[in-house]
Amino acid sequence: MENQKSNIGVFLKGLLLGSVIFGAVALFTAPHSGAETRLIIREKSDQLRDKTVETIENVRDQVDTAISDVLQRKDTTVEGSGAL
C-alpha cells in the first residue's frame, strides 16, 4: 500500500515538473506576445464578421430575386391560362 502511495507521489511530481517545463517552453516559443495575439484575433474576427454580413446580404438579394421571378412567372401563367 505504501509503495502505491509512493508511485502516485512520483507520478504527481513528474506531472508537475512536466507542466512547468511545457509552460516555459510554450512561453518562450510563442510566435507573438499576448497583446499581439489578441489584436490578431480581433482583426480576424472583424474580417469574419464583415464577410458573414456580406454573405447574408448576397443571399438575401438572391432570395428576393428568386421570389420576384416566381411571382412574375405565376402572374404570367395565371394570365396565360385565362383563370381568374
PDB file of N, CA and C in Angstrom:
ATOM      1  N   MET A   1       0.827  -1.186   0.000  1.00  0.00           N
ATOM      2  CA  MET A   1       0.000   0.000   0.000  1.00  0.00           C
ATOM      3  C   MET A   1       0.873   1.252   0.000  1.00  0.00           C
ATOM      4  N   GLU A   2       1.908   1.236   0.800  1.00  0.00           N
ATOM      5  CA  GLU A   2       2.814   2.374   0.871  1.00  0.00           C
ATOM      6  C   GLU A   2       3.546   2.551  -0.451  1.00  0.00           C
ATOM      7  N   ASN A   3       3.880   1.455  -1.115  1.00  0.00           N
ATOM      8  CA  ASN A   3       4.545   1.506  -2.410  1.00  0.00           C
ATOM      9  C   ASN A   3       3.644   2.181  -3.444  1.00  0.00           C
ATOM     10  N   GLN A   4       2.326   1.917  -3.370  1.00  0.00           N
ATOM     11  CA  GLN A   4       1.368   2.511  -4.296  1.00  0.00           C
ATOM     12  C   GLN A   4       1.286   4.023  -4.075  1.00  0.00           C
ATOM     13  N   LYS A   5       1.312   4.469  -2.808  1.00  0.00           N
ATOM     14  CA  LYS A   5       1.292   5.891  -2.492  1.00  0.00           C
ATOM     15  C   LYS A   5       2.554   6.564  -3.009  1.00  0.00           C
ATOM     16  N   SER A   6       3.673   5.863  -2.886  1.00  0.00           N
ATOM     17  CA  SER A   6       4.942   6.391  -3.368  1.00  0.00           C
ATOM     18  C   SER A   6       4.903   6.566  -4.884  1.00  0.00           C
ATOM     19  N   ASN A   7       4.320   5.584  -5.589  1.00  0.00           N
ATOM     20  CA  ASN A   7       4.223   5.664  -7.048  1.00  0.00           C
ATOM     21  C   ASN A   7       3.348   6.842  -7.472  1.00  0.00           C
ATOM     22  N   ILE A   8       2.259   7.065  -6.741  1.00  0.00           N
ATOM     23  CA  ILE A   8       1.373   8.187  -7.050  1.00  0.00           C
ATOM     24  C   ILE A   8       2.101   9.501  -6.821  1.00  0.00           C
ATOM     25  N   GLY A   9       2.857   9.590  -5.745  1.00  0.00           N
ATOM     26  CA  GLY A   9       3.625  10.801  -5.447  1.00  0.00           C
ATOM     27  C   GLY A   9       4.659  11.086  -6.523  1.00  0.00           C
ATOM     28  N   VAL A  10       5.353  10.056  -6.968  1.00  0.00           N
ATOM     29  CA  VAL A  10       6.348  10.221  -8.029  1.00  0.00           C
ATOM     30  C   VAL A  10       5.661  10.675  -9.313  1.00  0.00           C
ATOM     31  N   PHE A  11       4.516  10.069  -9.605  1.00  0.00           N
ATOM     32  CA  PHE A  11       3.773  10.439 -10.805  1.00  0.00           C
ATOM     33  C   PHE A  11       3.350  11.903 -10.741  1.00  0.00           C
ATOM     34  N   LEU A  12       2.806  12.340  -9.607  1.00  0.00           N
ATOM     35  CA  LEU A  12       2.353  13.720  -9.471  1.00  0.00           C
ATOM     36  C   LEU A  12       3.509  14.709  -9.564  1.00  0.00           C
ATOM     37  N   LYS A  13       4.654  14.363  -8.990  1.00  0.00           N
ATOM     38  CA  LYS A  13       5.834  15.229  -9.098  1.00  0.00           C
ATOM     39  C   LYS A  13       6.274  15.335 -10.555  1.00  0.00           C
ATOM     40  N   GLY A  14       6.266  14.215 -11.253  1.00  0.00           N
ATOM     41  CA  GLY A  14       6.642  14.217 -12.666  1.00  0.00           C
ATOM     42  C   GLY A  14       5.657  15.040 -13.498  1.00  0.00           C
ATOM     43  N   LEU A  15       4.379  14.911 -13.179  1.00  0.00           N
ATOM     44  CA  LEU A  15       3.354  15.667 -13.885  1.00  0.00           C
ATOM     45  C   LEU A  15       3.547  17.164 -13.652  1.00  0.00           C
ATOM     46  N   LEU A  16       3.810  17.556 -12.423  1.00  0.00           N
ATOM     47  CA  LEU A  16       4.034  18.951 -12.091  1.00  0.00           C
ATOM     48  C   LEU A  16       5.279  19.489 -12.798  1.00  0.00           C
ATOM     49  N   LEU A  17       6.352  18.741 -12.759  1.00  0.00           N
ATOM     50  CA  LEU A  17       7.593  19.160 -13.412  1.00  0.00           C
ATOM     51  C   LEU A  17       7.397  19.269 -14.923  1.00  0.00           C
ATOM     52  N   GLY A  18       6.709  18.313 -15.515  1.00  0.00           N
ATOM     53  CA  GLY A  18       6.435  18.357 -16.955  1.00  0.00           C
ATOM     54  C   GLY A  18       5.591  19.565 -17.326  1.00  0.00           C
ATOM     55  N   SER A  19       4.612  19.885 -16.477  1.00  0.00           N
ATOM     56  CA  SER A  19       3.761  21.047 -16.732  1.00  0.00           C
ATOM     57  C   SER A  19       4.561  22.344 -16.690  1.00  0.00           C
ATOM     58  N   VAL A  20       5.451  22.441 -15.712  1.00  0.00           N
ATOM     59  CA  VAL A  20       6.283  23.645 -15.591  1.00  0.00           C
ATOM     60  C   VAL A  20       7.198  23.769 -16.808  1.00  0.00           C
ATOM     61  N   ILE A  21       7.818  22.676 -17.201  1.00  0.00           N
ATOM     62  CA  ILE A  21       8.727  22.700 -18.360  1.00  0.00           C
ATOM     63  C   ILE A  21       7.943  23.051 -19.626  1.00  0.00           C
ATOM     64  N   PHE A  22       6.794  22.414 -19.824  1.00  0.00           N
ATOM     65  CA  PHE A  22       5.974  22.690 -21.006  1.00  0.00           C
ATOM     66  C   PHE A  22       5.543  24.149 -21.030  1.00  0.00           C
ATOM     67  N   GLY A  23       5.127  24.687 -19.888  1.00  0.00           N
ATOM     68  CA  GLY A  23       4.706  26.085 -19.815  1.00  0.00           C
ATOM     69  C   GLY A  23       5.838  27.030 -20.190  1.00  0.00           C
ATOM     70  N   ALA A  24       7.039  26.739 -19.692  1.00  0.00           N
ATOM     71  CA  ALA A  24       8.196  27.584 -20.006  1.00  0.00           C
ATOM     72  C   ALA A  24       8.527  27.517 -21.498  1.00  0.00           C
ATOM     73  N   VAL A  25       8.512  26.323 -22.064  1.00  0.00           N
ATOM     74  CA  VAL A  25       8.801  26.169 -23.493  1.00  0.00           C
ATOM     75  C   VAL A  25       7.747  26.904 -24.318  1.00  0.00           C
ATOM     76  N   ALA A  26       6.488  26.754 -23.969  1.00  0.00           N
ATOM     77  CA  ALA A  26       5.411  27.425 -24.696  1.00  0.00           C
ATOM     78  C   ALA A  26       5.551  28.943 -24.594  1.00  0.00           C
ATOM     79  N   LEU A  27       5.928  29.428 -23.431  1.00  0.00           N
ATOM     80  CA  LEU A  27       6.080  30.861 -23.221  1.00  0.00           C
ATOM     81  C   LEU A  27       7.193  31.432 -24.098  1.00  0.00           C
ATOM     82  N   PHE A  28       8.304  30.727 -24.180  1.00  0.00           N
ATOM     83  CA  PHE A  28       9.445  31.240 -24.926  1.00  0.00           C
ATOM     84  C   PHE A  28       9.370  30.987 -26.427  1.00  0.00           C
ATOM     85  N   THR A  29       8.515  30.078 -26.847  1.00  0.00           N
ATOM     86  CA  THR A  29       8.428  29.787 -28.284  1.00  0.00           C
ATOM     87  C   THR A  29       7.149  30.338 -28.907  1.00  0.00           C
ATOM     88  N   ALA A  30       6.362  31.082 -28.153  1.00  0.00           N
ATOM     89  CA  ALA A  30       5.128  31.666 -28.693  1.00  0.00           C
ATOM     90  C   ALA A  30       5.492  32.642 -29.811  1.00  0.00           C
ATOM     91  N   PRO A  31       4.758  32.603 -30.937  1.00  0.00           N
ATOM     92  CA  PRO A  31       5.116  33.454 -32.068  1.00  0.00           C
ATOM     93  C   PRO A  31       4.828  34.940 -31.829  1.00  0.00           C
ATOM     94  N   HIS A  32       3.893  35.259 -30.937  1.00  0.00           N
ATOM     95  CA  HIS A  32       3.525  36.653 -30.675  1.00  0.00           C
ATOM     96  C   HIS A  32       3.283  36.838 -29.177  1.00  0.00           C
ATOM     97  N   SER A  33       3.362  38.103 -28.763  1.00  0.00           N
ATOM     98  CA  SER A  33       3.028  38.395 -27.371  1.00  0.00           C
ATOM     99  C   SER A  33       1.520  38.301 -27.190  1.00  0.00           C
ATOM    100  N   GLY A  34       1.070  38.322 -25.965  1.00  0.00           N
ATOM    101  CA  GLY A  34      -0.359  38.242 -25.679  1.00  0.00           C
ATOM    102  C   GLY A  34      -1.141  39.376 -26.318  1.00  0.00           C
ATOM    103  N   ALA A  35      -0.601  40.591 -26.242  1.00  0.00           N
ATOM    104  CA  ALA A  35      -1.282  41.756 -26.824  1.00  0.00           C
ATOM    105  C   ALA A  35      -1.370  41.610 -28.346  1.00  0.00           C
ATOM    106  N   GLU A  36      -0.291  41.157 -28.965  1.00  0.00           N
ATOM    107  CA  GLU A  36      -0.296  40.959 -30.416  1.00  0.00           C
ATOM    108  C   GLU A  36      -1.294  39.875 -30.813  1.00  0.00           C
ATOM    109  N   THR A  37      -1.328  38.800 -30.049  1.00  0.00           N
ATOM    110  CA  THR A  37      -2.253  37.698 -30.340  1.00  0.00           C
ATOM    111  C   THR A  37      -3.695  38.175 -30.234  1.00  0.00           C
ATOM    112  N   ARG A  38      -4.009  38.952 -29.203  1.00  0.00           N
ATOM    113  CA  ARG A  38      -5.365  39.483 -29.056  1.00  0.00           C
ATOM    114  C   ARG A  38      -5.726  40.401 -30.223  1.00  0.00           C
ATOM    115  N   LEU A  39      -4.770  41.212 -30.669  1.00  0.00           N
ATOM    116  CA  LEU A  39      -5.005  42.101 -31.805  1.00  0.00           C
ATOM    117  C   LEU A  39      -5.270  41.293 -33.075  1.00  0.00           C
ATOM    118  N   ILE A  40      -4.493  40.252 -33.299  1.00  0.00           N
ATOM    119  CA  ILE A  40      -4.679  39.389 -34.467  1.00  0.00           C
ATOM    120  C   ILE A  40      -6.052  38.736 -34.426  1.00  0.00           C
ATOM    121  N   ILE A  41      -6.427  38.230 -33.261  1.00  0.00           N
ATOM    122  CA  ILE A  41      -7.741  37.581 -33.117  1.00  0.00           C
ATOM    123  C   ILE A  41      -8.854  38.594 -33.371  1.00  0.00           C
ATOM    124  N   ARG A  42      -8.707  39.797 -32.845  1.00  0.00           N
ATOM    125  CA  ARG A  42      -9.717  40.844 -33.039  1.00  0.00           C
ATOM    126  C   ARG A  42      -9.851  41.183 -34.526  1.00  0.00           C
ATOM    127  N   GLU A  43      -8.712  41.332 -35.226  1.00  0.00           N
ATOM    128  CA  GLU A  43      -8.746  41.657 -36.653  1.00  0.00           C
ATOM    129  C   GLU A  43      -9.395  40.528 -37.457  1.00  0.00           C
ATOM    130  N   LYS A  44      -9.031  39.295 -37.139  1.00  0.00           N
ATOM    131  CA  LYS A  44      -9.613  38.144 -37.849  1.00  0.00           C
ATOM    132  C   LYS A  44     -11.115  38.058 -37.591  1.00  0.00           C
ATOM    133  N   SER A  45     -11.543  38.326 -36.351  1.00  0.00           N
ATOM    134  CA  SER A  45     -12.974  38.253 -36.055  1.00  0.00           C
ATOM    135  C   SER A  45     -13.728  39.371 -36.762  1.00  0.00           C
ATOM    136  N   ASP A  46     -13.124  40.553 -36.881  1.00  0.00           N
ATOM    137  CA  ASP A  46     -13.755  41.644 -37.632  1.00  0.00           C
ATOM    138  C   ASP A  46     -13.902  41.274 -39.105  1.00  0.00           C
ATOM    139  N   GLN A  47     -12.849  40.672 -39.672  1.00  0.00           N
ATOM    140  CA  GLN A  47     -12.908  40.238 -41.071  1.00  0.00           C
ATOM    141  C   GLN A  47     -13.991  39.177 -41.258  1.00  0.00           C
ATOM    142  N   LEU A  48     -14.066  38.247 -40.344  1.00  0.00           N
ATOM    143  CA  LEU A  48     -15.069  37.188 -40.427  1.00  0.00           C
ATOM    144  C   LEU A  48     -16.481  37.766 -40.315  1.00  0.00           C
ATOM    145  N   ARG A  49     -16.664  38.713 -39.396  1.00  0.00           N
ATOM    146  CA  ARG A  49     -17.971  39.357 -39.255  1.00  0.00           C
ATOM    147  C   ARG A  49     -18.361  40.081 -40.531  1.00  0.00           C
ATOM    148  N   ASP A  50     -17.427  40.834 -41.115  1.00  0.00           N
ATOM    149  CA  ASP A  50     -17.719  41.560 -42.350  1.00  0.00           C
ATOM    150  C   ASP A  50     -18.069  40.608 -43.490  1.00  0.00           C
ATOM    151  N   LYS A  51     -17.329  39.530 -43.598  1.00  0.00           N
ATOM    152  CA  LYS A  51     -17.596  38.547 -44.649  1.00  0.00           C
ATOM    153  C   LYS A  51     -18.957  37.883 -44.430  1.00  0.00           C
ATOM    154  N   THR A  52     -19.301  37.604 -43.186  1.00  0.00           N
ATOM    155  CA  THR A  52     -20.595  36.997 -42.869  1.00  0.00           C
ATOM    156  C   THR A  52     -21.734  37.943 -43.232  1.00  0.00           C
ATOM    157  N   VAL A  53     -21.604  39.215 -42.890  1.00  0.00           N
ATOM    158  CA  VAL A  53     -22.630  40.207 -43.215  1.00  0.00           C
ATOM    159  C   VAL A  53     -22.783  40.313 -44.727  1.00  0.00           C
ATOM    160  N   GLU A  54     -21.668  40.341 -45.440  1.00  0.00           N
ATOM    161  CA  GLU A  54     -21.709  40.425 -46.900  1.00  0.00           C
ATOM    162  C   GLU A  54     -22.399  39.193 -47.502  1.00  0.00           C
ATOM    163  N   THR A  55     -22.075  38.017 -46.983  1.00  0.00           N
ATOM    164  CA  THR A  55     -22.691  36.784 -47.476  1.00  0.00           C
ATOM    165  C   THR A  55     -24.190  36.784 -47.220  1.00  0.00           C
ATOM    166  N   ILE A  56     -24.597  37.224 -46.038  1.00  0.00           N
ATOM    167  CA  ILE A  56     -26.025  37.276 -45.704  1.00  0.00           C
ATOM    168  C   ILE A  56     -26.746  38.238 -46.642  1.00  0.00           C
ATOM    169  N   GLU A  57     -26.136  39.391 -46.918  1.00  0.00           N
ATOM    170  CA  GLU A  57     -26.755  40.348 -47.830  1.00  0.00           C
ATOM    171  C   GLU A  57     -26.883  39.766 -49.235  1.00  0.00           C
ATOM    172  N   ASN A  58     -25.856  39.055 -49.703  1.00  0.00           N
ATOM    173  CA  ASN A  58     -25.907  38.427 -51.026  1.00  0.00           C
ATOM    174  C   ASN A  58     -27.007  37.376 -51.091  1.00  0.00           C
ATOM    175  N   VAL A  59     -27.105  36.560 -50.063  1.00  0.00           N
ATOM    176  CA  VAL A  59     -28.138  35.522 -50.033  1.00  0.00           C
ATOM    177  C   VAL A  59     -29.516  36.175 -50.001  1.00  0.00           C
ATOM    178  N   ARG A  60     -29.671  37.210 -49.214  1.00  0.00           N
ATOM    179  CA  ARG A  60     -30.949  37.919 -49.123  1.00  0.00           C
ATOM    180  C   ARG A  60     -31.345  38.478 -50.503  1.00  0.00           C
ATOM    181  N   ASP A  61     -30.380  39.062 -51.216  1.00  0.00           N
ATOM    182  CA  ASP A  61     -30.655  39.589 -52.555  1.00  0.00           C
ATOM    183  C   ASP A  61     -31.062  38.462 -53.511  1.00  0.00           C
ATOM    184  N   GLN A  62     -30.365  37.336 -53.431  1.00  0.00           N
ATOM    185  CA  GLN A  62     -30.694  36.199 -54.300  1.00  0.00           C
ATOM    186  C   GLN A  62     -32.088  35.657 -53.999  1.00  0.00           C
ATOM    187  N   VAL A  63     -32.437  35.587 -52.736  1.00  0.00           N
ATOM    188  CA  VAL A  63     -33.773  35.103 -52.357  1.00  0.00           C
ATOM    189  C   VAL A  63     -34.836  36.077 -52.847  1.00  0.00           C
ATOM    190  N   ASP A  64     -34.599  37.381 -52.671  1.00  0.00           N
ATOM    191  CA  ASP A  64     -35.558  38.380 -53.153  1.00  0.00           C
ATOM    192  C   ASP A  64     -35.744  38.269 -54.662  1.00  0.00           C
ATOM    193  N   THR A  65     -34.654  38.086 -55.400  1.00  0.00           N
ATOM    194  CA  THR A  65     -34.723  37.932 -56.852  1.00  0.00           C
ATOM    195  C   THR A  65     -35.496  36.677 -57.222  1.00  0.00           C
ATOM    196  N   ALA A  66     -35.224  35.584 -56.535  1.00  0.00           N
ATOM    197  CA  ALA A  66     -35.918  34.322 -56.814  1.00  0.00           C
ATOM    198  C   ALA A  66     -37.410  34.453 -56.529  1.00  0.00           C
ATOM    199  N   ILE A  67     -37.772  35.100 -55.438  1.00  0.00           N
ATOM    200  CA  ILE A  67     -39.188  35.292 -55.104  1.00  0.00           C
ATOM    201  C   ILE A  67     -39.864  36.152 -56.166  1.00  0.00           C
ATOM    202  N   SER A  68     -39.206  37.218 -56.595  1.00  0.00           N
ATOM    203  CA  SER A  68     -39.771  38.073 -57.637  1.00  0.00           C
ATOM    204  C   SER A  68     -39.983  37.294 -58.927  1.00  0.00           C
ATOM    205  N   ASP A  69     -38.999  36.477 -59.306  1.00  0.00           N
ATOM    206  CA  ASP A  69     -39.131  35.660 -60.517  1.00  0.00           C
ATOM    207  C   ASP A  69     -40.307  34.698 -60.412  1.00  0.00           C
ATOM    208  N   VAL A  70     -40.442  34.051 -59.278  1.00  0.00           N
ATOM    209  CA  VAL A  70     -41.531  33.097 -59.085  1.00  0.00           C
ATOM    210  C   VAL A  70     -42.873  33.814 -59.157  1.00  0.00           C
ATOM    211  N   LEU A  71     -42.990  34.957 -58.512  1.00  0.00           N
ATOM    212  CA  LEU A  71     -44.251  35.706 -58.540  1.00  0.00           C
ATOM    213  C   LEU A  71     -44.569  36.192 -59.952  1.00  0.00           C
ATOM    214  N   GLN A  72     -43.543  36.624 -60.676  1.00  0.00           N
ATOM    215  CA  GLN A  72     -43.750  37.076 -62.048  1.00  0.00           C
ATOM    216  C   GLN A  72     -44.201  35.914 -62.939  1.00  0.00           C
ATOM    217  N   ARG A  73     -43.584  34.750 -62.775  1.00  0.00           N
ATOM    218  CA  ARG A  73     -43.978  33.571 -63.557  1.00  0.00           C
ATOM    219  C   ARG A  73     -45.402  33.147 -63.207  1.00  0.00           C
ATOM    220  N   LYS A  74     -45.736  33.242 -61.937  1.00  0.00           N
ATOM    221  CA  LYS A  74     -47.093  32.872 -61.504  1.00  0.00           C
ATOM    222  C   LYS A  74     -48.113  33.790 -62.163  1.00  0.00           C
ATOM    223  N   ASP A  75     -47.831  35.086 -62.157  1.00  0.00           N
ATOM    224  CA  ASP A  75     -48.751  36.045 -62.769  1.00  0.00           C
ATOM    225  C   ASP A  75     -48.869  35.788 -64.269  1.00  0.00           C
ATOM    226  N   THR A  76     -47.764  35.492 -64.925  1.00  0.00           N
ATOM    227  CA  THR A  76     -47.762  35.218 -66.351  1.00  0.00           C
ATOM    228  C   THR A  76     -48.550  33.955 -66.648  1.00  0.00           C
ATOM    229  N   THR A  77     -48.369  32.929 -65.828  1.00  0.00           N
ATOM    230  CA  THR A  77     -49.067  31.662 -66.015  1.00  0.00           C
ATOM    231  C   THR A  77     -50.562  31.827 -65.793  1.00  0.00           C
ATOM    232  N   VAL A  78     -50.938  32.556 -64.763  1.00  0.00           N
ATOM    233  CA  VAL A  78     -52.355  32.776 -64.459  1.00  0.00           C
ATOM    234  C   VAL A  78     -53.009  33.574 -65.595  1.00  0.00           C
ATOM    235  N   GLU A  79     -52.328  34.605 -66.097  1.00  0.00           N
ATOM    236  CA  GLU A  79     -52.874  35.415 -67.191  1.00  0.00           C
ATOM    237  C   GLU A  79     -52.983  34.609 -68.471  1.00  0.00           C
ATOM    238  N   GLY A  80     -52.006  33.765 -68.733  1.00  0.00           N
ATOM    239  CA  GLY A  80     -51.990  32.964 -69.940  1.00  0.00           C
ATOM    240  C   GLY A  80     -53.029  31.866 -69.937  1.00  0.00           C
ATOM    241  N   SER A  81     -53.403  31.397 -68.770  1.00  0.00           N
ATOM    242  CA  SER A  81     -54.365  30.296 -68.701  1.00  0.00           C
ATOM    243  C   SER A  81     -55.800  30.776 -68.722  1.00  0.00           C
ATOM    244  N   GLY A  82     -56.003  32.065 -68.554  1.00  0.00           N
ATOM    245  CA  GLY A  82     -57.342  32.617 -68.577  1.00  0.00           C
ATOM    246  C   GLY A  82     -58.083  32.467 -67.261  1.00  0.00           C
ATOM    247  N   ALA A  83     -57.436  31.935 -66.248  1.00  0.00           N
ATOM    248  CA  ALA A  83     -58.088  31.744 -64.952  1.00  0.00           C
ATOM    249  C   ALA A  83     -58.034  33.038 -64.169  1.00  0.00           C
ATOM    250  N   LEU A  84     -59.027  33.334 -63.464  1.00  0.00           N
ATOM    251  CA  LEU A  84     -59.113  34.470 -62.536  1.00  0.00           C
ATOM    252  C   LEU A  84     -60.460  34.591 -62.005  1.00  0.00           C
TER     253      LEU A  84
END
